[in-house]
Protein backbone atom coordinates (compact mmCIF):
# COMPACT_ATOMS: atom_id res chain seq x y z
CA UNK A 1 68.47 167.80 94.47
CA UNK A 2 67.08 171.15 93.33
CA UNK A 3 67.79 171.94 89.69
CA UNK A 4 66.27 174.44 87.27
CA UNK A 5 66.06 171.78 84.53
CA UNK A 6 65.78 168.29 86.00
CA UNK A 7 66.25 166.64 82.61
CA UNK A 8 69.92 167.68 82.67
CA UNK A 9 70.71 165.40 85.62
CA UNK A 10 72.38 161.99 85.64
CA UNK A 11 72.67 160.20 89.00
CA UNK A 12 74.61 156.95 89.27
CA UNK A 13 75.09 154.70 92.31
CA UNK A 14 78.20 152.52 92.50
CA UNK A 15 78.56 149.80 95.12
CA UNK A 16 81.75 148.51 96.75
CA UNK A 17 82.02 145.56 94.33
CA UNK A 18 82.04 147.86 91.27
CA UNK A 19 78.42 147.23 90.29
CA UNK A 20 76.63 150.43 89.31
CA UNK A 21 73.11 151.52 88.37
CA UNK A 22 71.57 154.64 86.94
CA UNK A 23 69.11 156.16 89.37
CA UNK A 24 68.06 158.73 86.80
CA UNK A 25 69.50 159.59 83.41
CA UNK A 26 68.14 162.81 81.95
CA UNK A 27 64.56 162.36 83.17
CA UNK A 28 62.26 165.12 84.38
CA UNK A 29 62.17 167.00 81.11
CA UNK A 30 62.69 170.79 81.44
CA UNK A 31 60.80 171.00 84.75
CA UNK A 32 62.47 172.41 87.87
CA UNK A 33 63.10 170.61 91.14
CA UNK A 34 61.26 167.36 90.39
CA UNK A 35 63.90 165.43 92.38
CA UNK A 36 64.27 167.94 95.25
CA UNK A 37 62.99 165.49 97.86
CA UNK A 38 62.29 162.36 95.82
CA UNK A 39 62.37 158.98 97.53
CA UNK A 40 63.79 156.50 95.04
CA UNK A 41 62.67 152.96 95.87
CA UNK A 42 62.15 149.76 93.90
CA UNK A 43 58.65 149.45 95.39
CA UNK A 44 57.31 152.75 93.94
CA UNK A 45 54.44 152.39 91.49
CA UNK A 46 55.89 154.97 89.06
CA UNK A 47 59.24 154.71 87.30
CA UNK A 48 61.48 157.75 86.82
CA UNK A 49 62.00 156.72 83.19
CA UNK A 50 58.27 156.55 82.29
CA UNK A 51 56.67 159.10 84.64
CA UNK A 52 54.85 161.82 82.63
CA UNK A 53 56.46 164.91 84.18
CA UNK A 54 54.14 167.87 83.53
CA UNK A 55 55.12 170.63 85.96
CA UNK A 56 57.74 171.98 88.34
CA UNK A 57 57.90 170.42 91.80
CA UNK A 58 58.83 167.24 93.61
CA UNK A 59 57.63 163.87 92.36
CA UNK A 60 57.91 161.10 94.95
CA UNK A 61 58.27 158.19 95.31
CA UNK A 62 59.79 156.92 92.06
CA UNK A 63 61.48 153.69 90.99
CA UNK A 64 65.03 154.30 89.83
CA UNK A 65 65.91 153.83 86.18
CA UNK A 66 67.70 150.59 87.07
CA UNK A 67 66.61 148.66 90.18
CA UNK A 68 68.41 148.82 93.51
CA UNK A 69 67.82 145.07 93.66
CA UNK A 70 70.76 144.81 91.24
CA UNK A 71 72.87 144.94 94.42
CA UNK A 72 71.02 142.02 96.06
CA UNK A 73 73.44 139.24 97.01
CA UNK A 74 76.49 141.49 96.72
CA UNK A 75 78.65 142.43 99.70
CA UNK A 76 77.36 145.80 100.99
CA UNK A 77 80.50 146.51 103.04
CA UNK A 78 82.89 149.09 101.72
CA UNK A 79 82.74 152.38 99.90
CA UNK A 80 79.56 153.39 98.09
CA UNK A 81 79.64 156.27 95.63
CA UNK A 82 76.88 158.46 94.21
CA UNK A 83 77.85 160.47 91.15
CA UNK A 84 75.82 163.53 90.15
CA UNK A 85 76.35 164.98 86.68
CA UNK A 86 74.81 168.05 85.12
CA UNK A 87 74.94 167.25 81.41
CA UNK A 88 73.90 170.78 80.34
CA UNK A 89 75.90 173.19 82.53
CA UNK A 90 74.03 176.35 81.48
CA UNK A 91 71.60 176.21 84.44
CA UNK A 92 71.86 175.63 88.18
CA UNK A 93 71.60 172.63 90.45
CA UNK A 94 73.04 171.34 93.70
CA UNK A 95 72.78 168.50 96.17
CA UNK A 96 71.57 169.69 99.56
CA UNK A 97 71.20 166.37 101.33
CA UNK A 98 71.42 162.68 100.58
CA UNK A 99 70.08 159.91 102.79
CA UNK A 100 71.10 156.44 101.71
CA UNK A 101 69.59 153.44 103.48
CA UNK A 102 70.51 149.83 102.86
CA UNK A 103 67.99 147.31 104.11
CA UNK A 104 68.60 143.62 104.21
CA UNK A 105 68.28 140.59 106.34
CA UNK A 106 70.80 138.74 108.43
CA UNK A 107 71.51 135.18 107.38
């Protein structure tokens, strides 16, 4: 998710049951491309909302702003949606690739 000012970005994940979480909401300050290759995982030691961004470049892994575990116990079958918003449209950003992996256990 390259962007010239990462702090402009809001990324939201919505599951098939209507539950949604913020992955990042205006984090990354004015630094470029801090999410251009980030692995977001609940098990990361640093949180996207408290990480002290200090320079341009990818920071990974990071915990999302709200945990993916919010979806635990919910039916994963159906349509998932990831919304990307650029809250300050005066600079550039795009999504090159998204890999979304759901891990769970069979009952």
